PDB file of N, CA and C in Angstrom:
ATOM      1  N   MET A   1       6.786  -8.244  11.556  1.00  0.00           N
ATOM      2  CA  MET A   1       6.238  -7.763  10.292  1.00  0.00           C
ATOM      3  C   MET A   1       5.050  -6.850  10.574  1.00  0.00           C
ATOM      4  N   LYS A   2       4.999  -5.732   9.888  1.00  0.00           N
ATOM      5  CA  LYS A   2       3.921  -4.773  10.069  1.00  0.00           C
ATOM      6  C   LYS A   2       2.627  -5.297   9.429  1.00  0.00           C
ATOM      7  N   THR A   3       1.531  -5.140  10.130  1.00  0.00           N
ATOM      8  CA  THR A   3       0.239  -5.546   9.612  1.00  0.00           C
ATOM      9  C   THR A   3      -0.217  -4.563   8.545  1.00  0.00           C
ATOM     10  N   ARG A   4      -0.710  -5.086   7.441  1.00  0.00           N
ATOM     11  CA  ARG A   4      -1.208  -4.214   6.379  1.00  0.00           C
ATOM     12  C   ARG A   4      -2.549  -3.622   6.808  1.00  0.00           C
ATOM     13  N   PRO A   5      -2.774  -2.347   6.551  1.00  0.00           N
ATOM     14  CA  PRO A   5      -4.013  -1.693   6.982  1.00  0.00           C
ATOM     15  C   PRO A   5      -5.221  -2.101   6.142  1.00  0.00           C
ATOM     16  N   VAL A   6      -6.385  -1.984   6.768  1.00  0.00           N
ATOM     17  CA  VAL A   6      -7.673  -2.163   6.096  1.00  0.00           C
ATOM     18  C   VAL A   6      -8.301  -0.784   5.960  1.00  0.00           C
ATOM     19  N   ILE A   7      -8.661  -0.416   4.750  1.00  0.00           N
ATOM     20  CA  ILE A   7      -9.358   0.841   4.500  1.00  0.00           C
ATOM     21  C   ILE A   7     -10.848   0.541   4.435  1.00  0.00           C
ATOM     22  N   THR A   8     -11.635   1.302   5.180  1.00  0.00           N
ATOM     23  CA  THR A   8     -13.086   1.153   5.163  1.00  0.00           C
ATOM     24  C   THR A   8     -13.711   2.451   4.694  1.00  0.00           C
ATOM     25  N   ILE A   9     -14.548   2.346   3.682  1.00  0.00           N
ATOM     26  CA  ILE A   9     -15.291   3.495   3.173  1.00  0.00           C
ATOM     27  C   ILE A   9     -16.740   3.309   3.611  1.00  0.00           C
ATOM     28  N   HIS A  10     -17.161   4.123   4.567  1.00  0.00           N
ATOM     29  CA  HIS A  10     -18.521   4.063   5.135  1.00  0.00           C
ATOM     30  C   HIS A  10     -19.339   5.146   4.432  1.00  0.00           C
ATOM     31  N   TYR A  11     -20.297   4.709   3.625  1.00  0.00           N
ATOM     32  CA  TYR A  11     -21.036   5.637   2.761  1.00  0.00           C
ATOM     33  C   TYR A  11     -22.538   5.538   3.009  1.00  0.00           C
ATOM     34  N   CYS A  12     -23.260   6.581   2.625  1.00  0.00           N
ATOM     35  CA  CYS A  12     -24.707   6.620   2.796  1.00  0.00           C
ATOM     36  C   CYS A  12     -25.385   5.979   1.583  1.00  0.00           C
ATOM     37  N   SER A  13     -26.095   4.881   1.829  1.00  0.00           N
ATOM     38  CA  SER A  13     -26.822   4.223   0.741  1.00  0.00           C
ATOM     39  C   SER A  13     -28.072   5.013   0.362  1.00  0.00           C
ATOM     40  N   GLN A  14     -28.649   5.749   1.305  1.00  0.00           N
ATOM     41  CA  GLN A  14     -29.811   6.607   1.005  1.00  0.00           C
ATOM     42  C   GLN A  14     -29.436   7.689  -0.003  1.00  0.00           C
ATOM     43  N   CYS A  15     -28.225   8.187   0.083  1.00  0.00           N
ATOM     44  CA  CYS A  15     -27.754   9.274  -0.770  1.00  0.00           C
ATOM     45  C   CYS A  15     -27.220   8.777  -2.110  1.00  0.00           C
ATOM     46  N   GLN A  16     -27.222   7.465  -2.303  1.00  0.00           N
ATOM     47  CA  GLN A  16     -26.743   6.866  -3.552  1.00  0.00           C
ATOM     48  C   GLN A  16     -25.250   7.102  -3.778  1.00  0.00           C
ATOM     49  N   TRP A  17     -24.453   6.947  -2.734  1.00  0.00           N
ATOM     50  CA  TRP A  17     -23.023   7.193  -2.843  1.00  0.00           C
ATOM     51  C   TRP A  17     -22.209   5.919  -3.070  1.00  0.00           C
ATOM     52  N   LEU A  18     -22.867   4.825  -3.429  1.00  0.00           N
ATOM     53  CA  LEU A  18     -22.146   3.580  -3.690  1.00  0.00           C
ATOM     54  C   LEU A  18     -21.173   3.718  -4.859  1.00  0.00           C
ATOM     55  N   LEU A  19     -21.609   4.297  -5.960  1.00  0.00           N
ATOM     56  CA  LEU A  19     -20.745   4.415  -7.130  1.00  0.00           C
ATOM     57  C   LEU A  19     -19.495   5.239  -6.814  1.00  0.00           C
ATOM     58  N   ARG A  20     -19.670   6.359  -6.129  1.00  0.00           N
ATOM     59  CA  ARG A  20     -18.538   7.208  -5.722  1.00  0.00           C
ATOM     60  C   ARG A  20     -17.590   6.418  -4.816  1.00  0.00           C
ATOM     61  N   SER A  21     -18.151   5.671  -3.885  1.00  0.00           N
ATOM     62  CA  SER A  21     -17.349   4.898  -2.933  1.00  0.00           C
ATOM     63  C   SER A  21     -16.576   3.781  -3.626  1.00  0.00           C
ATOM     64  N   SER A  22     -17.228   3.106  -4.559  1.00  0.00           N
ATOM     65  CA  SER A  22     -16.541   2.011  -5.259  1.00  0.00           C
ATOM     66  C   SER A  22     -15.438   2.555  -6.169  1.00  0.00           C
ATOM     67  N   TRP A  23     -15.650   3.736  -6.758  1.00  0.00           N
ATOM     68  CA  TRP A  23     -14.603   4.365  -7.559  1.00  0.00           C
ATOM     69  C   TRP A  23     -13.398   4.682  -6.675  1.00  0.00           C
ATOM     70  N   MET A  24     -13.642   5.218  -5.471  1.00  0.00           N
ATOM     71  CA  MET A  24     -12.539   5.540  -4.565  1.00  0.00           C
ATOM     72  C   MET A  24     -11.801   4.273  -4.138  1.00  0.00           C
ATOM     73  N   ALA A  25     -12.555   3.204  -3.895  1.00  0.00           N
ATOM     74  CA  ALA A  25     -11.924   1.927  -3.545  1.00  0.00           C
ATOM     75  C   ALA A  25     -11.029   1.445  -4.683  1.00  0.00           C
ATOM     76  N   GLN A  26     -11.498   1.563  -5.909  1.00  0.00           N
ATOM     77  CA  GLN A  26     -10.718   1.168  -7.079  1.00  0.00           C
ATOM     78  C   GLN A  26      -9.433   1.992  -7.184  1.00  0.00           C
ATOM     79  N   GLU A  27      -9.537   3.290  -6.964  1.00  0.00           N
ATOM     80  CA  GLU A  27      -8.352   4.155  -7.010  1.00  0.00           C
ATOM     81  C   GLU A  27      -7.319   3.735  -5.966  1.00  0.00           C
ATOM     82  N   LEU A  28      -7.785   3.449  -4.747  1.00  0.00           N
ATOM     83  CA  LEU A  28      -6.862   3.042  -3.684  1.00  0.00           C
ATOM     84  C   LEU A  28      -6.218   1.698  -4.002  1.00  0.00           C
ATOM     85  N   LEU A  29      -7.010   0.769  -4.509  1.00  0.00           N
ATOM     86  CA  LEU A  29      -6.463  -0.548  -4.828  1.00  0.00           C
ATOM     87  C   LEU A  29      -5.481  -0.492  -5.996  1.00  0.00           C
ATOM     88  N   SER A  30      -5.712   0.411  -6.923  1.00  0.00           N
ATOM     89  CA  SER A  30      -4.777   0.513  -8.047  1.00  0.00           C
ATOM     90  C   SER A  30      -3.437   1.097  -7.597  1.00  0.00           C
ATOM     91  N   THR A  31      -3.450   1.952  -6.597  1.00  0.00           N
ATOM     92  CA  THR A  31      -2.218   2.581  -6.107  1.00  0.00           C
ATOM     93  C   THR A  31      -1.527   1.763  -5.022  1.00  0.00           C
ATOM     94  N   PHE A  32      -2.308   1.170  -4.112  1.00  0.00           N
ATOM     95  CA  PHE A  32      -1.741   0.493  -2.943  1.00  0.00           C
ATOM     96  C   PHE A  32      -2.044  -1.009  -2.925  1.00  0.00           C
ATOM     97  N   ALA A  33      -2.170  -1.633  -4.078  1.00  0.00           N
ATOM     98  CA  ALA A  33      -2.606  -3.030  -4.181  1.00  0.00           C
ATOM     99  C   ALA A  33      -1.818  -3.986  -3.297  1.00  0.00           C
ATOM    100  N   ASP A  34      -0.507  -3.849  -3.273  1.00  0.00           N
ATOM    101  CA  ASP A  34       0.323  -4.774  -2.504  1.00  0.00           C
ATOM    102  C   ASP A  34       0.519  -4.352  -1.055  1.00  0.00           C
ATOM    103  N   ASP A  35       0.035  -3.162  -0.709  1.00  0.00           N
ATOM    104  CA  ASP A  35       0.274  -2.611   0.620  1.00  0.00           C
ATOM    105  C   ASP A  35      -0.910  -2.740   1.569  1.00  0.00           C
ATOM    106  N   LEU A  36      -2.126  -2.895   1.020  1.00  0.00           N
ATOM    107  CA  LEU A  36      -3.340  -2.933   1.841  1.00  0.00           C
ATOM    108  C   LEU A  36      -3.820  -4.364   2.049  1.00  0.00           C
ATOM    109  N   ALA A  37      -4.385  -4.616   3.210  1.00  0.00           N
ATOM    110  CA  ALA A  37      -5.009  -5.917   3.463  1.00  0.00           C
ATOM    111  C   ALA A  37      -6.348  -6.003   2.751  1.00  0.00           C
ATOM    112  N   ALA A  38      -7.080  -4.875   2.720  1.00  0.00           N
ATOM    113  CA  ALA A  38      -8.400  -4.850   2.085  1.00  0.00           C
ATOM    114  C   ALA A  38      -8.898  -3.421   1.995  1.00  0.00           C
ATOM    115  N   VAL A  39      -9.811  -3.206   1.069  1.00  0.00           N
ATOM    116  CA  VAL A  39     -10.609  -1.982   1.022  1.00  0.00           C
ATOM    117  C   VAL A  39     -12.051  -2.463   1.073  1.00  0.00           C
ATOM    118  N   THR A  40     -12.759  -2.030   2.098  1.00  0.00           N
ATOM    119  CA  THR A  40     -14.136  -2.491   2.271  1.00  0.00           C
ATOM    120  C   THR A  40     -15.110  -1.336   2.134  1.00  0.00           C
ATOM    121  N   LEU A  41     -16.290  -1.654   1.622  1.00  0.00           N
ATOM    122  CA  LEU A  41     -17.384  -0.694   1.508  1.00  0.00           C
ATOM    123  C   LEU A  41     -18.418  -1.051   2.558  1.00  0.00           C
ATOM    124  N   LYS A  42     -18.811  -0.061   3.344  1.00  0.00           N
ATOM    125  CA  LYS A  42     -19.752  -0.274   4.441  1.00  0.00           C
ATOM    126  C   LYS A  42     -20.937   0.670   4.258  1.00  0.00           C
ATOM    127  N   PRO A  43     -22.105   0.130   3.872  1.00  0.00           N
ATOM    128  CA  PRO A  43     -23.270   1.005   3.687  1.00  0.00           C
ATOM    129  C   PRO A  43     -23.775   1.543   5.016  1.00  0.00           C
ATOM    130  N   GLY A  44     -24.282   2.755   4.973  1.00  0.00           N
ATOM    131  CA  GLY A  44     -24.852   3.393   6.155  1.00  0.00           C
ATOM    132  C   GLY A  44     -26.007   4.281   5.737  1.00  0.00           C
ATOM    133  N   ARG A  45     -26.427   5.160   6.635  1.00  0.00           N
ATOM    134  CA  ARG A  45     -27.549   6.044   6.384  1.00  0.00           C
ATOM    135  C   ARG A  45     -27.258   7.405   6.987  1.00  0.00           C
ATOM    136  N   GLY A  46     -28.114   8.344   6.688  1.00  0.00           N
ATOM    137  CA  GLY A  46     -28.023   9.652   7.339  1.00  0.00           C
ATOM    138  C   GLY A  46     -26.931  10.558   6.814  1.00  0.00           C
ATOM    139  N   GLY A  47     -26.511  10.386   5.560  1.00  0.00           N
ATOM    140  CA  GLY A  47     -25.508  11.276   4.988  1.00  0.00           C
ATOM    141  C   GLY A  47     -24.080  10.975   5.376  1.00  0.00           C
ATOM    142  N   ILE A  48     -23.839   9.784   5.924  1.00  0.00           N
ATOM    143  CA  ILE A  48     -22.477   9.454   6.360  1.00  0.00           C
ATOM    144  C   ILE A  48     -21.560   9.231   5.168  1.00  0.00           C
ATOM    145  N   PHE A  49     -20.364   9.744   5.276  1.00  0.00           N
ATOM    146  CA  PHE A  49     -19.289   9.424   4.345  1.00  0.00           C
ATOM    147  C   PHE A  49     -17.985   9.592   5.105  1.00  0.00           C
ATOM    148  N   GLU A  50     -17.398   8.465   5.481  1.00  0.00           N
ATOM    149  CA  GLU A  50     -16.152   8.448   6.244  1.00  0.00           C
ATOM    150  C   GLU A  50     -15.213   7.420   5.642  1.00  0.00           C
ATOM    151  N   ILE A  51     -13.932   7.723   5.694  1.00  0.00           N
ATOM    152  CA  ILE A  51     -12.911   6.786   5.250  1.00  0.00           C
ATOM    153  C   ILE A  51     -11.945   6.580   6.407  1.00  0.00           C
ATOM    154  N   HIS A  52     -11.783   5.319   6.789  1.00  0.00           N
ATOM    155  CA  HIS A  52     -10.919   4.952   7.908  1.00  0.00           C
ATOM    156  C   HIS A  52      -9.780   4.062   7.425  1.00  0.00           C
ATOM    157  N   ALA A  53      -8.620   4.219   8.020  1.00  0.00           N
ATOM    158  CA  ALA A  53      -7.523   3.271   7.897  1.00  0.00           C
ATOM    159  C   ALA A  53      -7.458   2.585   9.251  1.00  0.00           C
ATOM    160  N   ASP A  54      -7.873   1.327   9.274  1.00  0.00           N
ATOM    161  CA  ASP A  54      -8.093   0.620  10.533  1.00  0.00           C
ATOM    162  C   ASP A  54      -9.047   1.476  11.384  1.00  0.00           C
ATOM    163  N   ASP A  55      -8.631   1.947  12.546  1.00  0.00           N
ATOM    164  CA  ASP A  55      -9.525   2.746  13.394  1.00  0.00           C
ATOM    165  C   ASP A  55      -9.265   4.253  13.293  1.00  0.00           C
ATOM    166  N   HIS A  56      -8.398   4.663  12.397  1.00  0.00           N
ATOM    167  CA  HIS A  56      -8.044   6.079  12.258  1.00  0.00           C
ATOM    168  C   HIS A  56      -8.902   6.737  11.178  1.00  0.00           C
ATOM    169  N   LEU A  57      -9.599   7.807  11.532  1.00  0.00           N
ATOM    170  CA  LEU A  57     -10.426   8.541  10.580  1.00  0.00           C
ATOM    171  C   LEU A  57      -9.546   9.386   9.664  1.00  0.00           C
ATOM    172  N   LEU A  58      -9.568   9.065   8.364  1.00  0.00           N
ATOM    173  CA  LEU A  58      -8.788   9.808   7.371  1.00  0.00           C
ATOM    174  C   LEU A  58      -9.602  10.930   6.743  1.00  0.00           C
ATOM    175  N   TRP A  59     -10.876  10.677   6.498  1.00  0.00           N
ATOM    176  CA  TRP A  59     -11.728  11.663   5.816  1.00  0.00           C
ATOM    177  C   TRP A  59     -13.133  11.560   6.360  1.00  0.00           C
ATOM    178  N   GLU A  60     -13.748  12.705   6.599  1.00  0.00           N
ATOM    179  CA  GLU A  60     -15.150  12.762   7.026  1.00  0.00           C
ATOM    180  C   GLU A  60     -15.800  13.897   6.251  1.00  0.00           C
ATOM    181  N   ARG A  61     -16.834  13.577   5.493  1.00  0.00           N
ATOM    182  CA  ARG A  61     -17.455  14.534   4.573  1.00  0.00           C
ATOM    183  C   ARG A  61     -17.826  15.849   5.246  1.00  0.00           C
ATOM    184  N   LYS A  62     -18.451  15.804   6.396  1.00  0.00           N
ATOM    185  CA  LYS A  62     -18.881  17.035   7.072  1.00  0.00           C
ATOM    186  C   LYS A  62     -17.686  17.818   7.606  1.00  0.00           C
ATOM    187  N   ARG A  63     -16.746  17.134   8.208  1.00  0.00           N
ATOM    188  CA  ARG A  63     -15.553  17.786   8.779  1.00  0.00           C
ATOM    189  C   ARG A  63     -14.666  18.382   7.701  1.00  0.00           C
ATOM    190  N   ASP A  64     -14.485  17.629   6.614  1.00  0.00           N
ATOM    191  CA  ASP A  64     -13.523  18.011   5.587  1.00  0.00           C
ATOM    192  C   ASP A  64     -14.142  18.755   4.408  1.00  0.00           C
ATOM    193  N   GLY A  65     -15.423  19.050   4.480  1.00  0.00           N
ATOM    194  CA  GLY A  65     -16.057  19.882   3.460  1.00  0.00           C
ATOM    195  C   GLY A  65     -16.351  19.197   2.148  1.00  0.00           C
ATOM    196  N   GLY A  66     -16.879  18.006   2.190  1.00  0.00           N
ATOM    197  CA  GLY A  66     -17.264  17.317   0.965  1.00  0.00           C
ATOM    198  C   GLY A  66     -16.512  16.016   0.784  1.00  0.00           C
ATOM    199  N   PHE A  67     -16.338  15.663  -0.478  1.00  0.00           N
ATOM    200  CA  PHE A  67     -15.701  14.401  -0.831  1.00  0.00           C
ATOM    201  C   PHE A  67     -14.278  14.651  -1.305  1.00  0.00           C
ATOM    202  N   PRO A  68     -13.381  13.696  -1.043  1.00  0.00           N
ATOM    203  CA  PRO A  68     -12.012  13.873  -1.524  1.00  0.00           C
ATOM    204  C   PRO A  68     -11.914  13.561  -3.013  1.00  0.00           C
ATOM    205  N   ASP A  69     -10.976  14.216  -3.687  1.00  0.00           N
ATOM    206  CA  ASP A  69     -10.635  13.762  -5.032  1.00  0.00           C
ATOM    207  C   ASP A  69      -9.617  12.632  -4.864  1.00  0.00           C
ATOM    208  N   ALA A  70      -9.310  11.956  -5.939  1.00  0.00           N
ATOM    209  CA  ALA A  70      -8.420  10.793  -5.864  1.00  0.00           C
ATOM    210  C   ALA A  70      -7.044  11.164  -5.311  1.00  0.00           C
ATOM    211  N   VAL A  71      -6.500  12.282  -5.746  1.00  0.00           N
ATOM    212  CA  VAL A  71      -5.162  12.687  -5.301  1.00  0.00           C
ATOM    213  C   VAL A  71      -5.147  12.956  -3.799  1.00  0.00           C
ATOM    214  N   SER A  72      -6.126  13.706  -3.309  1.00  0.00           N
ATOM    215  CA  SER A  72      -6.181  14.019  -1.865  1.00  0.00           C
ATOM    216  C   SER A  72      -6.324  12.763  -1.030  1.00  0.00           C
ATOM    217  N   LEU A  73      -7.178  11.844  -1.483  1.00  0.00           N
ATOM    218  CA  LEU A  73      -7.384  10.601  -0.737  1.00  0.00           C
ATOM    219  C   LEU A  73      -6.112   9.755  -0.714  1.00  0.00           C
ATOM    220  N   LYS A  74      -5.471   9.611  -1.855  1.00  0.00           N
ATOM    221  CA  LYS A  74      -4.244   8.816  -1.904  1.00  0.00           C
ATOM    222  C   LYS A  74      -3.153   9.411  -1.026  1.00  0.00           C
ATOM    223  N   LYS A  75      -3.056  10.728  -1.001  1.00  0.00           N
ATOM    224  CA  LYS A  75      -2.058  11.377  -0.145  1.00  0.00           C
ATOM    225  C   LYS A  75      -2.362  11.131   1.330  1.00  0.00           C
ATOM    226  N   ARG A  76      -3.643  11.201   1.716  1.00  0.00           N
ATOM    227  CA  ARG A  76      -3.974  10.951   3.132  1.00  0.00           C
ATOM    228  C   ARG A  76      -3.682   9.514   3.526  1.00  0.00           C
ATOM    229  N   VAL A  77      -4.011   8.570   2.649  1.00  0.00           N
ATOM    230  CA  VAL A  77      -3.720   7.166   2.938  1.00  0.00           C
ATOM    231  C   VAL A  77      -2.211   6.971   3.032  1.00  0.00           C
ATOM    232  N   ARG A  78      -1.483   7.506   2.070  1.00  0.00           N
ATOM    233  CA  ARG A  78      -0.024   7.382   2.090  1.00  0.00           C
ATOM    234  C   ARG A  78       0.574   8.019   3.336  1.00  0.00           C
ATOM    235  N   ASP A  79       0.166   9.255   3.647  1.00  0.00           N
ATOM    236  CA  ASP A  79       0.750   9.982   4.774  1.00  0.00           C
ATOM    237  C   ASP A  79       0.527   9.254   6.094  1.00  0.00           C
ATOM    238  N   TYR A  80      -0.627   8.612   6.249  1.00  0.00           N
ATOM    239  CA  TYR A  80      -0.907   7.914   7.503  1.00  0.00           C
ATOM    240  C   TYR A  80      -0.322   6.495   7.523  1.00  0.00           C
ATOM    241  N   CYS A  81      -0.488   5.773   6.439  1.00  0.00           N
ATOM    242  CA  CYS A  81      -0.121   4.348   6.423  1.00  0.00           C
ATOM    243  C   CYS A  81       1.294   4.071   5.927  1.00  0.00           C
ATOM    244  N   PHE A  82       1.746   4.835   4.935  1.00  0.00           N
ATOM    245  CA  PHE A  82       3.013   4.539   4.265  1.00  0.00           C
ATOM    246  C   PHE A  82       3.814   5.818   4.004  1.00  0.00           C
ATOM    247  N   PRO A  83       4.204   6.547   5.037  1.00  0.00           N
ATOM    248  CA  PRO A  83       4.834   7.860   4.827  1.00  0.00           C
ATOM    249  C   PRO A  83       6.111   7.816   3.992  1.00  0.00           C
ATOM    250  N   GLU A  84       6.745   6.664   3.891  1.00  0.00           N
ATOM    251  CA  GLU A  84       7.974   6.553   3.111  1.00  0.00           C
ATOM    252  C   GLU A  84       7.709   6.308   1.629  1.00  0.00           C
ATOM    253  N   LYS A  85       6.466   6.026   1.262  1.00  0.00           N
ATOM    254  CA  LYS A  85       6.125   5.652  -0.112  1.00  0.00           C
ATOM    255  C   LYS A  85       5.991   6.888  -1.007  1.00  0.00           C
ATOM    256  N   ALA A  86       6.615   6.820  -2.174  1.00  0.00           N
ATOM    257  CA  ALA A  86       6.463   7.875  -3.169  1.00  0.00           C
ATOM    258  C   ALA A  86       5.243   7.583  -4.026  1.00  0.00           C
ATOM    259  N   LEU A  87       4.523   8.628  -4.404  1.00  0.00           N
ATOM    260  CA  LEU A  87       3.342   8.473  -5.238  1.00  0.00           C
ATOM    261  C   LEU A  87       3.580   8.925  -6.679  1.00  0.00           C
ATOM    262  N   GLY A  88       4.824   9.001  -7.080  1.00  0.00           N
ATOM    263  CA  GLY A  88       5.144   9.333  -8.461  1.00  0.00           C
ATOM    264  C   GLY A  88       4.692  10.723  -8.852  1.00  0.00           C
ATOM    265  N   HIS A  89       3.982  10.830  -9.969  1.00  0.00           N
ATOM    266  CA  HIS A  89       3.588  12.131 -10.498  1.00  0.00           C
ATOM    267  C   HIS A  89       2.658  12.906  -9.557  1.00  0.00           C
ATOM    268  N   ILE A  90       1.962  12.215  -8.652  1.00  0.00           N
ATOM    269  CA  ILE A  90       1.094  12.884  -7.686  1.00  0.00           C
ATOM    270  C   ILE A  90       1.932  13.783  -6.765  1.00  0.00           C
ATOM    271  N   ASP A  91       3.123  13.331  -6.417  1.00  0.00           N
ATOM    272  CA  ASP A  91       4.001  14.103  -5.541  1.00  0.00           C
ATOM    273  C   ASP A  91       4.738  15.212  -6.261  1.00  0.00           C
ATOM    274  N   ASN A  92       4.775  15.169  -7.584  1.00  0.00           N
ATOM    275  CA  ASN A  92       5.545  16.135  -8.361  1.00  0.00           C
ATOM    276  C   ASN A  92       4.708  16.760  -9.473  1.00  0.00           C
ATOM    277  N   PRO A  93       3.613  17.424  -9.130  1.00  0.00           N
ATOM    278  CA  PRO A  93       2.793  18.023 -10.189  1.00  0.00           C
ATOM    279  C   PRO A  93       3.547  19.128 -10.908  1.00  0.00           C
ATOM    280  N   GLY A  94       3.294  19.247 -12.192  1.00  0.00           N
ATOM    281  CA  GLY A  94       3.905  20.325 -12.963  1.00  0.00           C
ATOM    282  C   GLY A  94       5.257  20.012 -13.544  1.00  0.00           C
ATOM    283  N   LYS A  95       5.833  18.865 -13.195  1.00  0.00           N
ATOM    284  CA  LYS A  95       7.118  18.501 -13.789  1.00  0.00           C
ATOM    285  C   LYS A  95       6.887  18.048 -15.228  1.00  0.00           C
ATOM    286  N   PRO A  96       7.817  18.283 -16.111  1.00  0.00           N
ATOM    287  CA  PRO A  96       7.671  17.844 -17.507  1.00  0.00           C
ATOM    288  C   PRO A  96       7.411  16.343 -17.567  1.00  0.00           C
ATOM    289  N   GLY A  97       6.456  15.950 -18.394  1.00  0.00           N
ATOM    290  CA  GLY A  97       6.125  14.539 -18.549  1.00  0.00           C
ATOM    291  C   GLY A  97       5.052  14.057 -17.617  1.00  0.00           C
ATOM    292  N   ASN A  98       4.535  14.922 -16.745  1.00  0.00           N
ATOM    293  CA  ASN A  98       3.481  14.509 -15.810  1.00  0.00           C
ATOM    294  C   ASN A  98       2.140  15.002 -16.269  1.00  0.00           C
TER     295      ASN A  98
END
């Protein structure tokens, strides 16, 4: 059986990024609730904002030019952790009814 991944959001508490980080955690849990082992928030300092799936870096604020929106983050998590999973309307923007 495949181990479910743990997503860690490492955010800067000096920069007041807790609210943004908790919103992103909520978005991931609403989409991948049955697929993830956990989504954890890890406070840090010095402008850090990184999102890891286990030990794999998915997003880094400085490298990736800011913060991800919900769609970009969900796609990165899906592409790395669950490439076979469909994300519904996220995968098919512009279709009638989306």
